[in-house]
C-alpha atoms as a PDB file:
ATOM      1  CA  MET A   1     -11.295  30.705 235.039  1.00  0.00           C
ATOM      2  CA  VAL A   2      -9.948  29.996 231.611  1.00  0.00           C
ATOM      3  CA  LEU A   3     -12.449  29.875 228.878  1.00  0.00           C
ATOM      4  CA  MET A   4     -11.877  27.451 226.137  1.00  0.00           C
ATOM      5  CA  PRO A   5     -12.605  28.569 222.407  1.00  0.00           C
ATOM      6  CA  ARG A   6     -15.594  26.665 220.913  1.00  0.00           C
ATOM      7  CA  LEU A   7     -14.480  24.392 218.373  1.00  0.00           C
ATOM      8  CA  SER A   8     -16.438  24.789 215.080  1.00  0.00           C
ATOM      9  CA  ARG A   9     -17.821  21.822 213.438  1.00  0.00           C
ATOM     10  CA  ARG A  10     -16.314  21.203 210.090  1.00  0.00           C
ATOM     11  CA  THR A  11     -18.399  20.226 207.214  1.00  0.00           C
ATOM     12  CA  VAL A  12     -17.839  18.469 203.824  1.00  0.00           C
ATOM     13  CA  ASP A  13     -19.134  19.950 200.725  1.00  0.00           C
ATOM     14  CA  LEU A  14     -20.388  17.214 198.266  1.00  0.00           C
ATOM     15  CA  LYS A  15     -19.171  17.939 194.777  1.00  0.00           C
ATOM     16  CA  THR A  16     -21.298  17.803 191.730  1.00  0.00           C
ATOM     17  CA  PRO A  17     -20.570  15.317 188.798  1.00  0.00           C
ATOM     18  CA  ALA A  18     -19.240  18.238 186.910  1.00  0.00           C
ATOM     19  CA  GLU A  19     -16.926  19.418 189.633  1.00  0.00           C
ATOM     20  CA  ILE A  20     -15.563  16.017 190.022  1.00  0.00           C
ATOM     21  CA  GLY A  21     -15.138  15.918 186.256  1.00  0.00           C
ATOM     22  CA  LEU A  22     -13.069  19.319 186.460  1.00  0.00           C
ATOM     23  CA  MET A  23     -11.042  17.986 189.485  1.00  0.00           C
ATOM     24  CA  ARG A  24     -10.273  14.874 187.417  1.00  0.00           C
ATOM     25  CA  ALA A  25      -8.761  16.878 184.472  1.00  0.00           C
ATOM     26  CA  ALA A  26      -6.901  18.956 186.647  1.00  0.00           C
ATOM     27  CA  GLY A  27      -5.314  15.939 188.263  1.00  0.00           C
ATOM     28  CA  ALA A  28      -4.377  14.388 184.997  1.00  0.00           C
ATOM     29  CA  VAL A  29      -2.793  17.633 183.889  1.00  0.00           C
ATOM     30  CA  VAL A  30      -0.756  17.754 187.099  1.00  0.00           C
ATOM     31  CA  ALA A  31       0.171  14.117 186.563  1.00  0.00           C
ATOM     32  CA  ALA A  32       1.397  14.722 183.104  1.00  0.00           C
ATOM     33  CA  ALA A  33       3.302  17.740 184.159  1.00  0.00           C
ATOM     34  CA  LEU A  34       5.009  15.765 187.135  1.00  0.00           C
ATOM     35  CA  ALA A  35       5.989  12.896 184.735  1.00  0.00           C
ATOM     36  CA  ALA A  36       7.695  15.009 182.308  1.00  0.00           C
ATOM     37  CA  VAL A  37       9.491  17.118 184.975  1.00  0.00           C
ATOM     38  CA  GLU A  38      10.507  13.785 186.664  1.00  0.00           C
ATOM     39  CA  ALA A  39      11.559  12.327 183.488  1.00  0.00           C
ATOM     40  CA  ALA A  40      13.872  15.356 182.742  1.00  0.00           C
ATOM     41  CA  ALA A  41      15.453  15.223 186.095  1.00  0.00           C
ATOM     42  CA  GLU A  42      18.903  13.995 186.434  1.00  0.00           C
ATOM     43  CA  PRO A  43      22.361  15.105 187.619  1.00  0.00           C
ATOM     44  CA  GLY A  44      23.150  18.402 186.136  1.00  0.00           C
ATOM     45  CA  VAL A  45      19.703  19.478 185.437  1.00  0.00           C
ATOM     46  CA  THR A  46      19.043  22.553 187.513  1.00  0.00           C
ATOM     47  CA  GLY A  47      15.671  23.467 188.992  1.00  0.00           C
ATOM     48  CA  ARG A  48      15.648  26.542 186.650  1.00  0.00           C
ATOM     49  CA  ASP A  49      15.788  24.234 183.724  1.00  0.00           C
ATOM     50  CA  LEU A  50      12.897  21.962 185.094  1.00  0.00           C
ATOM     51  CA  ASP A  51      10.929  25.426 185.745  1.00  0.00           C
ATOM     52  CA  ALA A  52      11.401  26.365 182.214  1.00  0.00           C
ATOM     53  CA  LEU A  53      10.289  22.896 181.027  1.00  0.00           C
ATOM     54  CA  ALA A  54       7.171  23.387 182.875  1.00  0.00           C
ATOM     55  CA  GLU A  55       6.527  26.845 181.708  1.00  0.00           C
ATOM     56  CA  ARG A  56       6.564  25.929 177.796  1.00  0.00           C
ATOM     57  CA  SER A  57       4.865  22.568 178.266  1.00  0.00           C
ATOM     58  CA  PRO A  58       1.347  22.421 176.805  1.00  0.00           C
ATOM     59  CA  TRP A  59      -0.487  22.140 180.043  1.00  0.00           C
ATOM     60  CA  SER A  60       0.836  25.659 181.471  1.00  0.00           C
END
């Protein structure tokens, strides 16, 4: 006889308006960082160069 593991039910944690605001702000920071790195990415630019850009940017 093979026993199957019980599947646990997943729950969704509801976020408070404050938590949603923090998540929105974090998303804006990430979007700005990605836009800056994307704008700098071109042939000849290394990953190290892009890392340095991200590290010295105001969002880091």
